Amino acid sequence: MLISVALVSCKTRPVDNARENLAAVLRDSLGAATNPEVAFRKDSTHLLVQFDTVAFPDLSDSAYAKRAEEIGRFVERHYESAGSIDSITVMAHQLLSPGAWKIRQERTFTAAALR
């Protein structure tokens, strides 16, 4: 699956300090090379947390699912506006060319399941 302009448009909204702070905490925890980005997917109730594939090198589907759930729980604990979200998607993508990514793996969790 290729995604290009659709995800870029998520970044054009006004700065959201809670999302920026969460991205900084993720960067500190997982390393800058993972390039964490935090955006809203559908609306402000669905949080999208994206990483370069460096964060999940060669993980099987079951290992990725477990790691994504751990990250989802981390996000639930550290996102300042966690009470306003219904779901969290954790996604690993690979940059193919400027503005075009390939989604490698993705998992979505309800916020209630991560509490």
Protein backbone atom coordinates (compact mmCIF):
# COMPACT_ATOMS: atom_id res chain seq x y z
CA MET A 1 0.00 0.00 0.00
CA LEU A 2 1.38 3.39 -0.96
CA ILE A 3 0.48 6.57 0.82
CA SER A 4 1.64 9.94 -0.35
CA VAL A 5 -0.17 13.24 -0.01
CA ALA A 6 -2.88 11.91 2.33
CA LEU A 7 -0.57 11.66 5.33
CA VAL A 8 1.20 14.90 4.54
CA SER A 9 -2.09 16.76 4.82
CA CYS A 10 -2.40 15.60 8.44
CA LYS A 11 0.64 17.72 9.26
CA THR A 12 -0.84 20.99 8.01
CA ARG A 13 -3.07 21.50 11.05
CA PRO A 14 -2.04 23.99 13.74
CA VAL A 15 0.66 22.82 16.12
CA ASP A 16 -0.70 20.54 18.81
CA ASN A 17 1.66 20.62 21.78
CA ALA A 18 0.36 17.31 23.16
CA ARG A 19 1.23 15.52 19.90
CA GLU A 20 4.60 17.28 19.64
CA ASN A 21 5.43 16.39 23.25
CA LEU A 22 4.45 12.76 22.67
CA ALA A 23 6.66 12.57 19.56
CA ALA A 24 9.57 13.93 21.62
CA VAL A 25 9.02 11.35 24.38
CA LEU A 26 8.84 8.55 21.79
CA ARG A 27 12.02 9.83 20.12
CA ASP A 28 13.80 9.85 23.49
CA SER A 29 12.56 6.34 24.33
CA LEU A 30 12.98 4.60 20.98
CA GLY A 31 15.75 6.63 19.39
CA ALA A 32 15.78 9.46 16.89
CA ALA A 33 16.40 7.06 13.98
CA THR A 34 12.87 5.68 14.38
CA ASN A 35 11.56 9.14 13.38
CA PRO A 36 8.28 9.01 15.34
CA GLU A 37 5.44 11.17 14.06
CA VAL A 38 2.10 11.71 15.78
CA ALA A 39 -0.99 12.83 13.87
CA PHE A 40 -4.74 12.44 13.84
CA ARG A 41 -5.99 9.84 11.39
CA LYS A 42 -9.71 10.41 10.97
CA ASP A 43 -10.36 13.15 13.47
CA SER A 44 -9.06 14.19 16.85
CA THR A 45 -10.31 10.97 18.45
CA HIS A 46 -8.06 8.62 16.44
CA LEU A 47 -4.33 9.04 17.07
CA LEU A 48 -1.84 7.80 14.46
CA VAL A 49 1.70 7.04 15.63
CA GLN A 50 4.07 6.40 12.73
CA PHE A 51 7.65 5.13 12.74
CA ASP A 52 10.28 4.41 10.15
CA THR A 53 10.80 0.67 9.78
CA VAL A 54 14.01 1.02 11.82
CA ALA A 55 11.79 0.79 14.90
CA PHE A 56 10.59 -2.69 13.92
CA PRO A 57 13.35 -4.41 11.96
CA ASP A 58 12.28 -7.77 10.54
CA LEU A 59 9.59 -8.50 13.12
CA SER A 60 7.09 -11.25 12.45
CA ASP A 61 3.42 -10.27 12.47
CA SER A 62 2.92 -11.63 15.99
CA ALA A 63 6.06 -9.92 17.33
CA TYR A 64 5.01 -6.65 15.68
CA ALA A 65 1.51 -6.94 17.17
CA LYS A 66 3.01 -7.33 20.66
CA ARG A 67 5.46 -4.44 20.16
CA ALA A 68 2.73 -2.22 18.71
CA GLU A 69 0.52 -2.92 21.72
CA GLU A 70 3.40 -2.00 24.08
CA ILE A 71 3.84 1.26 22.19
CA GLY A 72 0.08 1.86 22.27
CA ARG A 73 0.10 1.48 26.06
CA PHE A 74 3.09 3.83 26.26
CA VAL A 75 1.21 6.36 24.15
CA GLU A 76 -1.90 6.02 26.32
CA ARG A 77 0.20 6.77 29.44
CA HIS A 78 2.22 9.65 27.98
CA TYR A 79 -0.17 11.49 25.66
CA GLU A 80 -1.39 14.57 27.52
CA SER A 81 -4.79 14.43 25.80
CA ALA A 82 -5.29 10.66 26.16
CA GLY A 83 -8.77 11.13 27.62
CA SER A 84 -9.99 12.60 24.32
CA ILE A 85 -8.98 9.71 22.04
CA ASP A 86 -10.94 6.56 21.23
CA SER A 87 -8.27 4.65 19.32
CA ILE A 88 -4.57 4.51 18.51
CA THR A 89 -2.93 3.16 15.36
CA VAL A 90 0.75 2.21 15.45
CA MET A 91 2.27 2.05 11.97
CA ALA A 92 5.70 1.26 10.54
CA HIS A 93 6.40 2.73 7.12
CA GLN A 94 9.30 2.87 4.71
CA LEU A 95 10.14 5.98 2.71
CA LEU A 96 10.19 5.12 -1.00
CA SER A 97 10.69 8.62 -2.35
CA PRO A 98 9.90 12.12 -1.10
CA GLY A 99 6.21 12.13 -0.19
CA ALA A 100 5.65 8.39 -0.81
CA TRP A 101 5.76 5.68 1.85
CA LYS A 102 5.06 1.97 1.91
CA ILE A 103 3.21 0.77 4.98
CA ARG A 104 5.04 -2.27 6.32
CA GLN A 105 2.90 -3.07 9.35
CA GLU A 106 -0.01 -1.48 11.15
CA ARG A 107 -2.18 -2.23 14.19
CA THR A 108 -5.11 -0.31 15.64
CA PHE A 109 -6.24 -0.56 19.27
CA THR A 110 -9.14 0.97 21.13
CA ALA A 111 -7.95 3.30 23.86
CA ALA A 112 -10.02 1.32 26.38
CA ALA A 113 -8.13 -1.89 25.51
CA LEU A 114 -4.81 -0.16 26.24
CA ARG A 115 -5.77 1.19 29.67
